[in-house]
Amino acid sequence: MSQLFDAMPDPYEQWFLTPLGAVIKQLELDLIMQLVQPQPGEHILDAGCGSGIFTEPLVTAGASITGIDVSRPMLEWAEKRLPEQQFLAADICDLPFADGHFDKTVSITALEFIEDAQRAMDEMWRVTKPGGLMVVATLNGKAPGRHGARRRPRRIKIRCLIMPGSARRKNWLS
């Protein structure tokens, strides 16, 4: 999957400077911040962080971020944008962190590009502390730039999933 995004850091960033891209970026950022409510001192995983465009406001709010992505070129943009944060190349389906390592986990427009979305969800939940929060948002079928996203035989019914508390879910996708 990294090949899909390796050539995209600049076009991806440039798209958000277009009139439509700017509006969508602001709407998405407003929603992300409202749902995540990052607090100073929290440690948040951004799974599929890409260039860090949606990571930056979490840091501005005082959270410490660990961002993971499979695309090294996208991670280089994120590292330039937020040099004080930790970014690493990692597979969302096999996260290199201990159980309950993060206060919160976010994944914004990444899950639809993952072959085994169920495993990715289970892994993100595994590394989120009991009582923590996980927010996952996916592109809808009409979203610009959705090329390369997997069309699943089953639809993801919930476009934004919030999982507070210690409840464990095994069947995330329906």
N, C-alpha and C. Protein backbone atom coordinates (compact mmCIF):
# COMPACT_ATOMS: atom_id res chain seq x y z
N MET A 1 0.81 -1.19 0.00
CA MET A 1 0.00 0.00 0.00
C MET A 1 0.86 1.27 0.00
N SER A 2 2.09 1.15 0.49
CA SER A 2 2.92 2.36 0.56
C SER A 2 3.16 2.96 -0.82
N GLN A 3 3.21 2.11 -1.86
CA GLN A 3 3.45 2.63 -3.21
C GLN A 3 2.38 3.63 -3.64
N LEU A 4 1.15 3.41 -3.22
CA LEU A 4 0.06 4.31 -3.57
C LEU A 4 0.33 5.72 -3.05
N PHE A 5 0.90 5.82 -1.88
CA PHE A 5 1.09 7.12 -1.24
C PHE A 5 2.50 7.67 -1.34
N ASP A 6 3.46 6.85 -1.75
CA ASP A 6 4.85 7.32 -1.81
C ASP A 6 5.02 8.51 -2.75
N ALA A 7 4.26 8.56 -3.83
CA ALA A 7 4.38 9.66 -4.79
C ALA A 7 3.40 10.80 -4.51
N MET A 8 2.67 10.71 -3.39
CA MET A 8 1.58 11.65 -3.16
C MET A 8 1.80 12.77 -2.16
N PRO A 9 2.90 12.85 -1.40
CA PRO A 9 2.94 13.89 -0.37
C PRO A 9 2.67 15.30 -0.91
N ASP A 10 3.33 15.69 -1.97
CA ASP A 10 3.11 17.05 -2.47
C ASP A 10 1.71 17.23 -3.06
N PRO A 11 1.23 16.36 -3.96
CA PRO A 11 -0.14 16.53 -4.45
C PRO A 11 -1.19 16.48 -3.34
N TYR A 12 -0.98 15.64 -2.35
CA TYR A 12 -1.90 15.53 -1.22
C TYR A 12 -1.97 16.86 -0.48
N GLU A 13 -0.83 17.42 -0.16
CA GLU A 13 -0.78 18.71 0.53
C GLU A 13 -1.37 19.82 -0.34
N GLN A 14 -1.05 19.82 -1.60
CA GLN A 14 -1.53 20.86 -2.51
C GLN A 14 -3.05 20.82 -2.66
N TRP A 15 -3.63 19.62 -2.62
CA TRP A 15 -5.07 19.52 -2.76
C TRP A 15 -5.78 20.28 -1.65
N PHE A 16 -5.23 20.25 -0.44
CA PHE A 16 -5.86 20.94 0.68
C PHE A 16 -5.72 22.46 0.59
N LEU A 17 -4.96 22.94 -0.38
CA LEU A 17 -4.86 24.38 -0.62
C LEU A 17 -5.88 24.86 -1.66
N THR A 18 -6.55 23.93 -2.33
CA THR A 18 -7.59 24.32 -3.29
C THR A 18 -8.81 24.79 -2.50
N PRO A 19 -9.73 25.53 -3.14
CA PRO A 19 -10.92 25.99 -2.41
C PRO A 19 -11.71 24.83 -1.77
N LEU A 20 -11.97 23.78 -2.54
CA LEU A 20 -12.71 22.64 -1.99
C LEU A 20 -11.89 21.94 -0.90
N GLY A 21 -10.62 21.74 -1.17
CA GLY A 21 -9.75 21.08 -0.20
C GLY A 21 -9.67 21.84 1.12
N ALA A 22 -9.61 23.16 1.06
CA ALA A 22 -9.54 23.98 2.27
C ALA A 22 -10.81 23.85 3.11
N VAL A 23 -11.95 23.83 2.44
CA VAL A 23 -13.23 23.69 3.15
C VAL A 23 -13.31 22.31 3.81
N ILE A 24 -12.98 21.28 3.06
CA ILE A 24 -13.04 19.91 3.60
C ILE A 24 -12.05 19.75 4.75
N LYS A 25 -10.86 20.28 4.59
CA LYS A 25 -9.86 20.19 5.66
C LYS A 25 -10.40 20.83 6.94
N GLN A 26 -10.98 22.02 6.84
CA GLN A 26 -11.47 22.70 8.03
C GLN A 26 -12.62 21.94 8.67
N LEU A 27 -13.54 21.43 7.86
CA LEU A 27 -14.65 20.65 8.40
C LEU A 27 -14.15 19.40 9.12
N GLU A 28 -13.20 18.71 8.49
CA GLU A 28 -12.67 17.49 9.10
C GLU A 28 -11.90 17.80 10.38
N LEU A 29 -11.10 18.87 10.35
CA LEU A 29 -10.35 19.24 11.56
C LEU A 29 -11.27 19.63 12.70
N ASP A 30 -12.32 20.38 12.40
CA ASP A 30 -13.28 20.77 13.43
C ASP A 30 -13.90 19.52 14.08
N LEU A 31 -14.30 18.57 13.25
CA LEU A 31 -14.92 17.35 13.77
C LEU A 31 -13.91 16.52 14.57
N ILE A 32 -12.71 16.37 14.05
CA ILE A 32 -11.68 15.60 14.75
C ILE A 32 -11.42 16.20 16.13
N MET A 33 -11.24 17.50 16.18
CA MET A 33 -10.93 18.15 17.45
C MET A 33 -12.11 18.04 18.43
N GLN A 34 -13.32 18.14 17.92
CA GLN A 34 -14.50 18.02 18.76
C GLN A 34 -14.60 16.61 19.35
N LEU A 35 -14.30 15.61 18.56
CA LEU A 35 -14.42 14.22 19.01
C LEU A 35 -13.25 13.79 19.89
N VAL A 36 -12.05 14.15 19.51
CA VAL A 36 -10.86 13.69 20.24
C VAL A 36 -10.64 14.50 21.52
N GLN A 37 -10.92 15.78 21.48
CA GLN A 37 -10.69 16.67 22.62
C GLN A 37 -9.32 16.41 23.26
N PRO A 38 -8.26 16.62 22.47
CA PRO A 38 -6.91 16.36 22.99
C PRO A 38 -6.58 17.28 24.17
N GLN A 39 -5.91 16.71 25.15
CA GLN A 39 -5.54 17.45 26.35
C GLN A 39 -4.02 17.47 26.51
N PRO A 40 -3.50 18.52 27.11
CA PRO A 40 -2.07 18.56 27.38
C PRO A 40 -1.65 17.32 28.18
N GLY A 41 -0.55 16.73 27.76
CA GLY A 41 -0.01 15.56 28.44
C GLY A 41 -0.53 14.23 27.94
N GLU A 42 -1.59 14.22 27.16
CA GLU A 42 -2.07 12.95 26.62
C GLU A 42 -1.12 12.44 25.55
N HIS A 43 -1.02 11.12 25.47
CA HIS A 43 -0.23 10.48 24.42
C HIS A 43 -1.21 9.85 23.43
N ILE A 44 -1.19 10.33 22.19
CA ILE A 44 -2.15 9.90 21.18
C ILE A 44 -1.44 9.23 20.01
N LEU A 45 -1.97 8.09 19.59
CA LEU A 45 -1.49 7.43 18.38
C LEU A 45 -2.29 7.95 17.20
N ASP A 46 -1.60 8.40 16.16
CA ASP A 46 -2.25 8.74 14.89
C ASP A 46 -1.87 7.64 13.91
N ALA A 47 -2.77 6.69 13.72
CA ALA A 47 -2.53 5.52 12.89
C ALA A 47 -2.89 5.83 11.44
N GLY A 48 -1.88 5.84 10.58
CA GLY A 48 -2.08 6.26 9.19
C GLY A 48 -1.98 7.78 9.10
N CYS A 49 -1.00 8.33 9.77
CA CYS A 49 -0.87 9.80 9.91
C CYS A 49 -0.55 10.53 8.62
N GLY A 50 -0.06 9.82 7.61
CA GLY A 50 0.28 10.48 6.35
C GLY A 50 1.26 11.62 6.57
N SER A 51 0.97 12.76 5.99
CA SER A 51 1.87 13.92 6.06
C SER A 51 1.74 14.70 7.35
N GLY A 52 0.84 14.28 8.23
CA GLY A 52 0.66 14.97 9.51
C GLY A 52 -0.31 16.14 9.45
N ILE A 53 -1.00 16.28 8.35
CA ILE A 53 -1.90 17.43 8.18
C ILE A 53 -3.02 17.44 9.22
N PHE A 54 -3.48 16.25 9.64
CA PHE A 54 -4.52 16.19 10.67
C PHE A 54 -3.93 15.93 12.06
N THR A 55 -2.62 15.74 12.13
CA THR A 55 -1.93 15.52 13.39
C THR A 55 -1.61 16.84 14.08
N GLU A 56 -1.28 17.83 13.29
CA GLU A 56 -0.80 19.11 13.81
C GLU A 56 -1.73 19.75 14.85
N PRO A 57 -3.04 19.81 14.63
CA PRO A 57 -3.91 20.43 15.64
C PRO A 57 -3.92 19.68 16.98
N LEU A 58 -3.70 18.38 16.95
CA LEU A 58 -3.64 17.60 18.19
C LEU A 58 -2.43 18.04 19.01
N VAL A 59 -1.33 18.29 18.33
CA VAL A 59 -0.10 18.75 18.98
C VAL A 59 -0.29 20.18 19.50
N THR A 60 -0.90 21.02 18.69
CA THR A 60 -1.15 22.40 19.09
C THR A 60 -1.98 22.44 20.38
N ALA A 61 -2.85 21.47 20.56
CA ALA A 61 -3.69 21.40 21.77
C ALA A 61 -2.92 20.87 22.98
N GLY A 62 -1.68 20.44 22.78
CA GLY A 62 -0.85 20.01 23.89
C GLY A 62 -0.60 18.52 24.01
N ALA A 63 -1.16 17.73 23.12
CA ALA A 63 -0.97 16.28 23.18
C ALA A 63 0.40 15.90 22.60
N SER A 64 0.90 14.80 23.07
CA SER A 64 2.11 14.19 22.51
C SER A 64 1.64 13.14 21.51
N ILE A 65 2.23 13.14 20.32
CA ILE A 65 1.76 12.27 19.24
C ILE A 65 2.83 11.27 18.83
N THR A 66 2.39 10.06 18.59
CA THR A 66 3.18 9.08 17.85
C THR A 66 2.38 8.80 16.59
N GLY A 67 2.98 9.08 15.45
CA GLY A 67 2.32 8.85 14.18
C GLY A 67 2.96 7.67 13.46
N ILE A 68 2.12 6.82 12.90
CA ILE A 68 2.62 5.71 12.10
C ILE A 68 2.00 5.76 10.72
N ASP A 69 2.76 5.29 9.74
CA ASP A 69 2.28 5.20 8.37
C ASP A 69 3.17 4.21 7.64
N VAL A 70 2.69 3.65 6.54
CA VAL A 70 3.51 2.74 5.75
C VAL A 70 4.33 3.48 4.70
N SER A 71 4.00 4.73 4.44
CA SER A 71 4.69 5.49 3.40
C SER A 71 5.78 6.37 4.00
N ARG A 72 7.03 6.04 3.69
CA ARG A 72 8.16 6.83 4.20
C ARG A 72 8.11 8.27 3.69
N PRO A 73 7.81 8.55 2.39
CA PRO A 73 7.73 9.94 1.94
C PRO A 73 6.66 10.75 2.69
N MET A 74 5.52 10.15 2.98
CA MET A 74 4.50 10.86 3.76
C MET A 74 5.02 11.14 5.17
N LEU A 75 5.70 10.18 5.77
CA LEU A 75 6.25 10.38 7.11
C LEU A 75 7.30 11.49 7.13
N GLU A 76 8.07 11.62 6.05
CA GLU A 76 9.06 12.70 5.99
C GLU A 76 8.38 14.07 6.06
N TRP A 77 7.23 14.22 5.42
CA TRP A 77 6.46 15.47 5.52
C TRP A 77 6.01 15.69 6.96
N ALA A 78 5.51 14.63 7.58
CA ALA A 78 5.04 14.74 8.97
C ALA A 78 6.19 15.14 9.89
N GLU A 79 7.36 14.54 9.69
CA GLU A 79 8.52 14.86 10.53
C GLU A 79 8.96 16.31 10.35
N LYS A 80 8.89 16.82 9.13
CA LYS A 80 9.23 18.23 8.89
C LYS A 80 8.20 19.16 9.54
N ARG A 81 6.95 18.78 9.46
CA ARG A 81 5.86 19.58 10.02
C ARG A 81 5.92 19.62 11.54
N LEU A 82 6.23 18.47 12.16
CA LEU A 82 6.19 18.33 13.61
C LEU A 82 7.46 17.63 14.11
N PRO A 83 8.60 18.30 14.06
CA PRO A 83 9.87 17.64 14.37
C PRO A 83 10.01 17.15 15.82
N GLU A 84 9.20 17.66 16.73
CA GLU A 84 9.30 17.25 18.13
C GLU A 84 8.49 15.98 18.44
N GLN A 85 7.71 15.53 17.46
CA GLN A 85 6.86 14.35 17.67
C GLN A 85 7.54 13.11 17.09
N GLN A 86 7.04 11.95 17.48
CA GLN A 86 7.62 10.69 17.02
C GLN A 86 6.81 10.14 15.84
N PHE A 87 7.50 9.83 14.75
CA PHE A 87 6.87 9.23 13.58
C PHE A 87 7.67 8.01 13.17
N LEU A 88 6.97 6.92 12.85
CA LEU A 88 7.67 5.74 12.40
C LEU A 88 6.89 4.96 11.37
N ALA A 89 7.65 4.28 10.53
CA ALA A 89 7.05 3.41 9.52
C ALA A 89 6.60 2.14 10.23
N ALA A 90 5.31 1.87 10.16
CA ALA A 90 4.77 0.69 10.83
C ALA A 90 3.48 0.28 10.14
N ASP A 91 3.14 -0.98 10.31
CA ASP A 91 1.93 -1.57 9.75
C ASP A 91 0.80 -1.44 10.77
N ILE A 92 -0.28 -0.82 10.37
CA ILE A 92 -1.43 -0.62 11.27
C ILE A 92 -2.02 -1.95 11.74
N CYS A 93 -1.74 -3.03 11.04
CA CYS A 93 -2.24 -4.35 11.41
C CYS A 93 -1.30 -5.10 12.34
N ASP A 94 -0.15 -4.51 12.63
CA ASP A 94 0.84 -5.13 13.52
C ASP A 94 1.60 -4.01 14.23
N LEU A 95 0.92 -3.32 15.12
CA LEU A 95 1.49 -2.14 15.78
C LEU A 95 2.58 -2.53 16.77
N PRO A 96 3.73 -1.83 16.73
CA PRO A 96 4.87 -2.18 17.58
C PRO A 96 4.81 -1.52 18.96
N PHE A 97 3.65 -1.61 19.62
CA PHE A 97 3.48 -0.98 20.93
C PHE A 97 2.83 -1.97 21.88
N ALA A 98 3.07 -1.77 23.17
CA ALA A 98 2.48 -2.61 24.19
C ALA A 98 0.98 -2.35 24.30
N ASP A 99 0.28 -3.31 24.84
CA ASP A 99 -1.15 -3.14 25.11
C ASP A 99 -1.35 -1.90 25.98
N GLY A 100 -2.38 -1.11 25.66
CA GLY A 100 -2.74 0.04 26.47
C GLY A 100 -1.70 1.13 26.52
N HIS A 101 -0.91 1.28 25.50
CA HIS A 101 0.19 2.26 25.49
C HIS A 101 -0.28 3.71 25.33
N PHE A 102 -1.40 3.93 24.64
CA PHE A 102 -1.84 5.29 24.31
C PHE A 102 -3.13 5.66 25.04
N ASP A 103 -3.24 6.94 25.39
CA ASP A 103 -4.47 7.45 26.00
C ASP A 103 -5.61 7.44 24.99
N LYS A 104 -5.28 7.80 23.76
CA LYS A 104 -6.27 7.88 22.69
C LYS A 104 -5.62 7.42 21.39
N THR A 105 -6.44 6.94 20.48
CA THR A 105 -5.98 6.56 19.15
C THR A 105 -6.91 7.19 18.13
N VAL A 106 -6.32 7.78 17.10
CA VAL A 106 -7.09 8.32 15.99
C VAL A 106 -6.59 7.70 14.70
N SER A 107 -7.49 7.54 13.76
CA SER A 107 -7.14 7.09 12.43
C SER A 107 -8.08 7.80 11.47
N ILE A 108 -7.54 8.71 10.70
CA ILE A 108 -8.34 9.55 9.83
C ILE A 108 -8.03 9.20 8.38
N THR A 109 -9.01 8.75 7.66
CA THR A 109 -8.93 8.36 6.24
C THR A 109 -7.77 7.40 5.96
N ALA A 110 -7.67 6.36 6.76
CA ALA A 110 -6.65 5.33 6.53
C ALA A 110 -7.26 3.94 6.40
N LEU A 111 -8.27 3.66 7.20
CA LEU A 111 -8.81 2.30 7.29
C LEU A 111 -9.29 1.76 5.94
N GLU A 112 -9.83 2.65 5.10
CA GLU A 112 -10.36 2.19 3.81
C GLU A 112 -9.27 1.74 2.84
N PHE A 113 -8.00 1.98 3.18
CA PHE A 113 -6.89 1.56 2.34
C PHE A 113 -6.20 0.30 2.88
N ILE A 114 -6.75 -0.28 3.93
CA ILE A 114 -6.15 -1.43 4.60
C ILE A 114 -6.85 -2.71 4.15
N GLU A 115 -6.06 -3.70 3.82
CA GLU A 115 -6.62 -4.98 3.37
C GLU A 115 -7.46 -5.64 4.46
N ASP A 116 -6.93 -5.71 5.67
CA ASP A 116 -7.63 -6.37 6.77
C ASP A 116 -8.06 -5.32 7.79
N ALA A 117 -9.15 -4.65 7.50
CA ALA A 117 -9.64 -3.56 8.36
C ALA A 117 -9.99 -4.05 9.76
N GLN A 118 -10.53 -5.25 9.86
CA GLN A 118 -10.87 -5.80 11.18
C GLN A 118 -9.62 -5.92 12.06
N ARG A 119 -8.57 -6.45 11.48
CA ARG A 119 -7.32 -6.60 12.24
C ARG A 119 -6.76 -5.23 12.64
N ALA A 120 -6.83 -4.25 11.73
CA ALA A 120 -6.35 -2.90 12.04
C ALA A 120 -7.13 -2.31 13.21
N MET A 121 -8.44 -2.47 13.20
CA MET A 121 -9.26 -1.96 14.31
C MET A 121 -8.90 -2.65 15.62
N ASP A 122 -8.73 -3.95 15.58
CA ASP A 122 -8.37 -4.69 16.79
C ASP A 122 -7.01 -4.23 17.33
N GLU A 123 -6.07 -4.00 16.44
CA GLU A 123 -4.74 -3.55 16.86
C GLU A 123 -4.79 -2.15 17.47
N MET A 124 -5.54 -1.24 16.84
CA MET A 124 -5.64 0.10 17.40
C MET A 124 -6.28 0.06 18.78
N TRP A 125 -7.29 -0.77 18.93
CA TRP A 125 -7.95 -0.87 20.23
C TRP A 125 -7.01 -1.50 21.27
N ARG A 126 -6.22 -2.47 20.84
CA ARG A 126 -5.27 -3.14 21.75
C ARG A 126 -4.30 -2.14 22.37
N VAL A 127 -3.81 -1.19 21.58
CA VAL A 127 -2.79 -0.26 22.08
C VAL A 127 -3.40 0.96 22.78
N THR A 128 -4.72 1.05 22.82
CA THR A 128 -5.41 2.14 23.52
C THR A 128 -5.69 1.69 24.96
N LYS A 129 -5.38 2.56 25.91
CA LYS A 129 -5.58 2.24 27.32
C LYS A 129 -7.04 1.90 27.62
N PRO A 130 -7.27 0.99 28.56
CA PRO A 130 -8.64 0.77 29.01
C PRO A 130 -9.22 2.11 29.50
N GLY A 131 -10.42 2.40 29.08
CA GLY A 131 -11.02 3.69 29.42
C GLY A 131 -10.60 4.80 28.47
N GLY A 132 -9.76 4.45 27.47
CA GLY A 132 -9.29 5.43 26.50
C GLY A 132 -10.32 5.69 25.42
N LEU A 133 -9.91 6.38 24.39
CA LEU A 133 -10.81 6.78 23.32
C LEU A 133 -10.18 6.45 21.98
N MET A 134 -10.98 5.91 21.07
CA MET A 134 -10.53 5.64 19.72
C MET A 134 -11.50 6.31 18.75
N VAL A 135 -10.97 7.12 17.84
CA VAL A 135 -11.79 7.79 16.83
C VAL A 135 -11.26 7.37 15.47
N VAL A 136 -12.15 6.80 14.66
CA VAL A 136 -11.79 6.36 13.32
C VAL A 136 -12.75 7.00 12.33
N ALA A 137 -12.22 7.64 11.31
CA ALA A 137 -13.05 8.25 10.27
C ALA A 137 -12.57 7.76 8.92
N THR A 138 -13.52 7.45 8.04
CA THR A 138 -13.18 6.96 6.71
C THR A 138 -13.77 7.88 5.64
N LEU A 139 -13.21 7.78 4.46
CA LEU A 139 -13.76 8.50 3.32
C LEU A 139 -15.05 7.83 2.88
N ASN A 140 -16.00 8.63 2.41
CA ASN A 140 -17.19 8.00 1.84
C ASN A 140 -16.94 7.71 0.37
N GLY A 141 -17.85 7.04 -0.26
CA GLY A 141 -17.68 6.60 -1.64
C GLY A 141 -17.56 7.72 -2.66
N LYS A 142 -17.95 8.93 -2.32
CA LYS A 142 -17.88 10.04 -3.26
C LYS A 142 -16.76 11.02 -2.95
N ALA A 143 -15.93 10.67 -2.00
CA ALA A 143 -14.86 11.58 -1.57
C ALA A 143 -13.82 11.76 -2.67
N PRO A 144 -13.35 13.01 -2.88
CA PRO A 144 -12.25 13.23 -3.82
C PRO A 144 -11.01 12.47 -3.33
N GLY A 145 -10.26 11.92 -4.25
CA GLY A 145 -9.02 11.24 -3.89
C GLY A 145 -9.22 9.86 -3.30
N ARG A 146 -10.38 9.28 -3.47
CA ARG A 146 -10.64 7.97 -2.89
C ARG A 146 -10.03 6.84 -3.71
N HIS A 147 -9.41 7.16 -4.86
CA HIS A 147 -8.83 6.09 -5.68
C HIS A 147 -7.84 5.29 -4.83
N GLY A 148 -7.84 4.00 -5.01
CA GLY A 148 -6.97 3.13 -4.23
C GLY A 148 -7.64 2.61 -2.97
N ALA A 149 -8.74 3.22 -2.57
CA ALA A 149 -9.44 2.73 -1.38
C ALA A 149 -10.11 1.41 -1.73
N ARG A 150 -10.17 0.55 -0.77
CA ARG A 150 -10.75 -0.77 -0.99
C ARG A 150 -12.27 -0.71 -0.98
N ARG A 151 -12.85 -1.36 -1.95
CA ARG A 151 -14.31 -1.49 -1.94
C ARG A 151 -14.59 -2.81 -1.25
N ARG A 152 -15.24 -2.75 -0.14
CA ARG A 152 -15.48 -3.93 0.67
C ARG A 152 -16.82 -4.56 0.31
N PRO A 153 -16.91 -5.88 0.43
CA PRO A 153 -18.19 -6.52 0.17
C PRO A 153 -19.24 -6.07 1.20
N ARG A 154 -18.80 -5.71 2.39
CA ARG A 154 -19.70 -5.18 3.41
C ARG A 154 -19.37 -3.71 3.60
N ARG A 155 -20.38 -2.90 3.76
CA ARG A 155 -20.17 -1.47 3.94
C ARG A 155 -19.80 -1.17 5.38
N ILE A 156 -18.98 -0.15 5.55
CA ILE A 156 -18.73 0.35 6.89
C ILE A 156 -19.89 1.29 7.19
N LYS A 157 -20.72 0.92 8.12
CA LYS A 157 -21.93 1.69 8.39
C LYS A 157 -21.64 2.98 9.13
N ILE A 158 -20.67 2.95 10.02
CA ILE A 158 -20.38 4.13 10.83
C ILE A 158 -19.17 4.83 10.24
N ARG A 159 -19.33 6.08 9.87
CA ARG A 159 -18.24 6.82 9.26
C ARG A 159 -17.28 7.39 10.30
N CYS A 160 -17.74 7.57 11.49
CA CYS A 160 -16.87 8.03 12.56
C CYS A 160 -17.21 7.19 13.79
N LEU A 161 -16.25 6.46 14.29
CA LEU A 161 -16.48 5.54 15.38
C LEU A 161 -15.77 6.06 16.62
N ILE A 162 -16.51 6.20 17.70
CA ILE A 162 -15.93 6.63 18.96
C ILE A 162 -16.13 5.49 19.94
N MET A 163 -15.07 5.03 20.56
CA MET A 163 -15.16 3.91 21.48
C MET A 163 -14.55 4.28 22.82
N PRO A 164 -15.26 5.02 23.66
CA PRO A 164 -14.74 5.29 25.00
C PRO A 164 -14.98 4.09 25.91
N GLY A 165 -14.31 4.08 27.02
CA GLY A 165 -14.55 3.04 28.02
C GLY A 165 -13.74 1.79 27.75
N SER A 166 -14.09 0.75 28.46
CA SER A 166 -13.28 -0.48 28.39
C SER A 166 -13.96 -1.58 27.59
N ALA A 167 -15.08 -1.28 26.97
CA ALA A 167 -15.77 -2.30 26.17
C ALA A 167 -14.88 -2.78 25.03
N ARG A 168 -14.87 -4.06 24.83
CA ARG A 168 -14.08 -4.63 23.73
C ARG A 168 -15.03 -5.02 22.62
N ARG A 169 -14.70 -4.64 21.41
CA ARG A 169 -15.53 -4.97 20.26
C ARG A 169 -14.73 -5.88 19.34
N LYS A 170 -15.31 -6.95 18.91
CA LYS A 170 -14.63 -7.86 18.00
C LYS A 170 -15.10 -7.70 16.57
N ASN A 171 -16.33 -7.34 16.36
CA ASN A 171 -16.83 -7.19 15.01
C ASN A 171 -17.07 -5.70 14.73
N TRP A 172 -16.01 -4.99 14.39
CA TRP A 172 -16.07 -3.55 14.18
C TRP A 172 -16.84 -3.21 12.92
N LEU A 173 -16.67 -4.00 11.90
CA LEU A 173 -17.21 -3.66 10.58
C LEU A 173 -18.47 -4.45 10.32
N SER A 174 -19.43 -3.79 9.72
CA SER A 174 -20.67 -4.50 9.40
C SER A 174 -21.10 -4.16 7.99
